[in-house]
Amino acid sequence: MSLPLATWTNDDSRHPQLVWWSRLDNRWQIEVQRTGPYTGNFCIFDHDNGDKEILCEPTSFMYDAAYGPDVEDVAKWEDRGVHFVDQEYRPNEVSDERQDEIAKEIEEKLGKDDKPQDDY
């Protein structure tokens, strides 16, 4: 498990191994962390859950990116981040509010169906 290299509270975070980073929906921090001259790890961290790593997979970039990545690489990473969060990760996540709603629905249903029976 890796940790974010960019600091959540600093919009100008810099780290020698940080190729690119962005935030999504004010919750997810997406980073490309360098592992070699043209390679890195594409990682997504959940800031609402203590910067828990929810994805880390190998990626590559068009050139060494010493002065920043190519726009095509950035577009690829942005698309991957949005797709993963919205299509692969979030569908499995149930918010606390929704869990409360489900619990209330169950209680209401049980309350209607669990009426005492007088026929003993």
Protein backbone atom coordinates (compact mmCIF):
# COMPACT_ATOMS: atom_id res chain seq x y z
CA MET A 1 0.00 0.00 0.00
CA SER A 2 1.34 3.38 -0.94
CA LEU A 3 0.63 6.77 0.53
CA PRO A 4 -0.16 10.02 -1.29
CA LEU A 5 2.87 12.11 -2.20
CA ALA A 6 0.86 15.31 -2.64
CA THR A 7 -0.44 17.06 0.45
CA TRP A 8 -4.22 17.49 0.50
CA THR A 9 -4.01 20.98 2.00
CA ASN A 10 -1.39 22.25 -0.47
CA ASP A 11 -2.52 22.93 -4.04
CA ASP A 12 1.12 23.31 -5.08
CA SER A 13 2.44 19.99 -3.75
CA ARG A 14 5.73 18.89 -5.23
CA HIS A 15 7.68 15.66 -4.78
CA PRO A 16 10.47 14.28 -6.97
CA GLN A 17 8.50 11.07 -7.60
CA LEU A 18 5.18 12.83 -8.25
CA VAL A 19 4.55 12.99 -12.00
CA TRP A 20 0.96 14.27 -11.85
CA TRP A 21 -1.87 14.58 -9.36
CA SER A 22 -5.42 15.82 -9.15
CA ARG A 23 -8.47 15.76 -6.92
CA LEU A 24 -11.87 14.40 -7.86
CA ASP A 25 -15.15 15.36 -6.19
CA ASN A 26 -13.27 16.90 -3.24
CA ARG A 27 -12.75 13.37 -1.94
CA TRP A 28 -10.43 11.39 -4.17
CA GLN A 29 -6.75 12.17 -4.70
CA ILE A 30 -5.37 10.73 -7.92
CA GLU A 31 -1.62 10.51 -8.42
CA VAL A 32 0.93 9.11 -10.81
CA GLN A 33 4.00 8.20 -8.79
CA ARG A 34 7.22 7.62 -10.73
CA THR A 35 8.81 4.16 -10.59
CA GLY A 36 11.19 4.59 -13.54
CA PRO A 37 12.06 6.88 -16.47
CA TYR A 38 8.83 6.15 -18.39
CA THR A 39 6.83 4.23 -15.79
CA GLY A 40 4.86 4.86 -12.66
CA ASN A 41 1.97 3.78 -10.50
CA PHE A 42 -1.46 5.26 -11.03
CA CYS A 43 -2.94 5.52 -7.53
CA ILE A 44 -6.26 6.72 -6.12
CA PHE A 45 -6.64 7.60 -2.44
CA ASP A 46 -9.87 8.13 -0.52
CA HIS A 47 -9.32 11.28 1.54
CA ASP A 48 -12.57 10.78 3.49
CA ASN A 49 -11.19 7.48 4.78
CA GLY A 50 -7.75 8.54 5.96
CA ASP A 51 -6.20 8.64 2.46
CA LYS A 52 -6.78 4.91 2.07
CA GLU A 53 -5.38 3.59 -1.19
CA ILE A 54 -8.25 2.18 -3.24
CA LEU A 55 -6.33 1.60 -6.47
CA CYS A 56 -2.69 1.38 -7.47
CA GLU A 57 -1.79 0.01 -10.88
CA PRO A 58 1.19 0.35 -13.22
CA THR A 59 1.09 3.03 -15.89
CA SER A 60 3.46 4.54 -18.40
CA PHE A 61 3.96 7.94 -19.95
CA MET A 62 5.11 9.10 -23.37
CA TYR A 63 8.38 10.61 -22.25
CA ASP A 64 10.36 11.02 -19.05
CA ALA A 65 8.06 13.86 -17.92
CA ALA A 66 10.84 15.72 -16.14
CA TYR A 67 8.91 18.97 -16.63
CA GLY A 68 5.42 17.51 -16.47
CA PRO A 69 3.45 14.88 -18.32
CA ASP A 70 2.10 15.00 -21.86
CA VAL A 71 -1.51 16.18 -22.23
CA GLU A 72 -2.49 12.82 -23.73
CA ASP A 73 -1.15 11.03 -20.64
CA VAL A 74 -3.09 13.41 -18.37
CA ALA A 75 -6.30 12.82 -20.34
CA LYS A 76 -5.78 9.05 -20.05
CA TRP A 77 -5.28 9.30 -16.27
CA GLU A 78 -8.25 11.62 -15.79
CA ASP A 79 -10.50 9.23 -17.72
CA ARG A 80 -9.21 6.23 -15.77
CA GLY A 81 -9.75 7.99 -12.43
CA VAL A 82 -13.32 9.03 -13.18
CA HIS A 83 -14.18 5.61 -14.61
CA PHE A 84 -12.74 3.74 -11.64
CA VAL A 85 -14.41 5.90 -8.98
CA ASP A 86 -17.80 6.13 -10.70
CA GLN A 87 -18.08 2.72 -12.37
CA GLU A 88 -15.93 0.30 -10.38
CA TYR A 89 -15.56 1.58 -6.82
CA ARG A 90 -18.59 3.69 -5.93
CA PRO A 91 -21.24 1.16 -6.99
CA ASN A 92 -19.92 -1.05 -4.17
CA GLU A 93 -20.02 1.77 -1.66
CA VAL A 94 -23.09 2.55 0.40
CA SER A 95 -23.02 5.91 2.16
CA ASP A 96 -23.80 6.24 5.86
CA GLU A 97 -26.95 8.17 4.96
CA ARG A 98 -28.13 5.39 2.65
CA GLN A 99 -27.35 2.76 5.29
CA ASP A 100 -29.55 4.72 7.73
CA GLU A 101 -32.34 4.90 5.14
CA ILE A 102 -32.14 1.15 4.53
CA ALA A 103 -32.22 0.44 8.27
CA LYS A 104 -35.34 2.62 8.68
CA GLU A 105 -37.03 0.89 5.74
CA ILE A 106 -36.30 -2.50 7.30
CA GLU A 107 -37.58 -1.39 10.71
CA GLU A 108 -40.76 -0.02 9.16
CA LYS A 109 -41.35 -3.19 7.20
CA LEU A 110 -40.70 -5.39 10.22
CA GLY A 111 -42.94 -3.19 12.33
CA LYS A 112 -45.83 -3.71 9.92
CA ASP A 113 -45.30 -7.44 9.52
CA ASP A 114 -44.46 -8.26 13.15
CA LYS A 115 -47.81 -7.46 14.74
CA PRO A 116 -48.56 -9.58 17.78
CA GLN A 117 -50.78 -12.52 17.15
CA ASP A 118 -53.66 -13.22 19.50
CA ASP A 119 -54.30 -16.76 18.26
CA TYR A 120 -52.26 -18.87 20.68
